[in-house]
Amino acid sequence: IIEGAREAINLLREYGHKVVINSCNELEWIKRTLDNADIRYDKICAKGSSKPLADCYLDDKSIMFTTWAESLPKVLEMINDKDNRKW
């Protein structure tokens, strides 16, 4: 788990945003890893799933992930006026 991931992801959920983990790994491994790290999430889209609909993607195509300390403020700025309207 990347340093700051638990705090950043859990903070997003505390702010009322839905967190969907999208990964090419196996579902059971993702669940076990997140649960062991006490990372809260709303849904997991695992290997074989389509990329979920979202207001913001934190990856290498939307908000370039560097560290949570640098990326979280960008995420919060992008979704600040969103109201989880579609999902």
Protein backbone atom coordinates (compact mmCIF):
# COMPACT_ATOMS: atom_id res chain seq x y z
CA ILE A 1 0.00 0.00 0.00
CA ILE A 2 1.38 3.41 -0.98
CA GLU A 3 2.08 5.73 1.95
CA GLY A 4 -0.92 7.94 2.65
CA ALA A 5 -3.39 5.79 0.67
CA ARG A 6 -5.50 4.74 3.67
CA GLU A 7 -5.80 8.26 5.03
CA ALA A 8 -6.52 9.85 1.63
CA ILE A 9 -9.09 7.30 0.48
CA ASN A 10 -10.85 7.20 3.83
CA LEU A 11 -10.94 11.02 3.89
CA LEU A 12 -12.63 11.10 0.48
CA ARG A 13 -15.33 8.77 1.83
CA GLU A 14 -15.72 10.89 4.98
CA TYR A 15 -16.39 13.85 2.66
CA GLY A 16 -19.25 11.82 1.18
CA HIS A 17 -17.62 10.74 -2.07
CA LYS A 18 -17.92 7.21 -3.37
CA VAL A 19 -14.63 5.36 -3.84
CA VAL A 20 -14.43 2.73 -6.56
CA ILE A 21 -11.21 0.77 -6.82
CA ASN A 22 -10.46 -0.21 -10.42
CA SER A 23 -7.68 -2.74 -10.85
CA CYS A 24 -6.48 -5.45 -13.20
CA ASN A 25 -5.74 -7.71 -10.22
CA GLU A 26 -7.94 -10.52 -8.95
CA LEU A 27 -10.97 -9.46 -6.88
CA GLU A 28 -10.20 -11.58 -3.79
CA TRP A 29 -6.61 -10.30 -3.62
CA ILE A 30 -7.79 -6.67 -3.89
CA LYS A 31 -10.42 -7.14 -1.15
CA ARG A 32 -7.94 -8.84 1.17
CA THR A 33 -5.31 -6.14 0.58
CA LEU A 34 -7.73 -3.25 1.17
CA ASP A 35 -9.36 -4.86 4.20
CA ASN A 36 -5.98 -5.68 5.79
CA ALA A 37 -4.94 -2.04 5.33
CA ASP A 38 -8.28 -0.72 6.71
CA ILE A 39 -9.00 1.11 3.46
CA ARG A 40 -12.72 1.76 3.05
CA TYR A 41 -14.27 1.65 -0.41
CA ASP A 42 -17.70 1.45 -2.00
CA LYS A 43 -17.02 -0.90 -4.88
CA ILE A 44 -14.25 -2.84 -6.58
CA CYS A 45 -14.02 -3.28 -10.34
CA ALA A 46 -11.48 -6.04 -10.84
CA LYS A 47 -9.85 -7.91 -13.70
CA GLY A 48 -12.28 -8.25 -16.58
CA SER A 49 -14.51 -5.33 -15.55
CA SER A 50 -15.06 -2.20 -17.57
CA LYS A 51 -13.69 1.08 -16.26
CA PRO A 52 -16.40 2.55 -14.00
CA LEU A 53 -18.14 5.86 -14.61
CA ALA A 54 -16.63 8.56 -12.37
CA ASP A 55 -16.17 12.28 -11.86
CA CYS A 56 -12.45 11.83 -11.42
CA TYR A 57 -9.88 9.15 -12.17
CA LEU A 58 -6.68 9.05 -10.19
CA ASP A 59 -4.34 7.21 -12.49
CA ASP A 60 -1.87 7.93 -15.26
CA LYS A 61 -4.48 9.47 -17.60
CA SER A 62 -6.51 12.01 -15.63
CA ILE A 63 -4.81 13.24 -12.47
CA MET A 64 -1.26 11.98 -12.71
CA PHE A 65 -0.59 10.14 -9.47
CA THR A 66 2.70 11.01 -7.84
CA THR A 67 2.14 10.75 -4.08
CA TRP A 68 -1.02 11.05 -2.02
CA ALA A 69 0.31 14.28 -0.50
CA GLU A 70 0.52 15.86 -3.96
CA SER A 71 -2.46 14.15 -5.60
CA LEU A 72 -5.17 14.44 -2.92
CA PRO A 73 -5.46 18.27 -3.13
CA LYS A 74 -5.89 17.97 -6.93
CA VAL A 75 -8.61 15.35 -6.48
CA LEU A 76 -10.42 17.44 -3.87
CA GLU A 77 -10.26 20.51 -6.12
CA MET A 78 -11.66 18.57 -9.08
CA ILE A 79 -14.56 17.02 -7.17
CA ASN A 80 -15.26 19.84 -4.72
CA ASP A 81 -18.48 20.93 -6.42
CA LYS A 82 -19.63 17.43 -7.36
CA ASP A 83 -22.50 15.83 -5.50
CA ASN A 84 -22.07 12.14 -6.38
CA ARG A 85 -24.91 12.82 -8.78
CA LYS A 86 -24.92 9.76 -11.01
CA TRP A 87 -23.90 6.98 -8.74
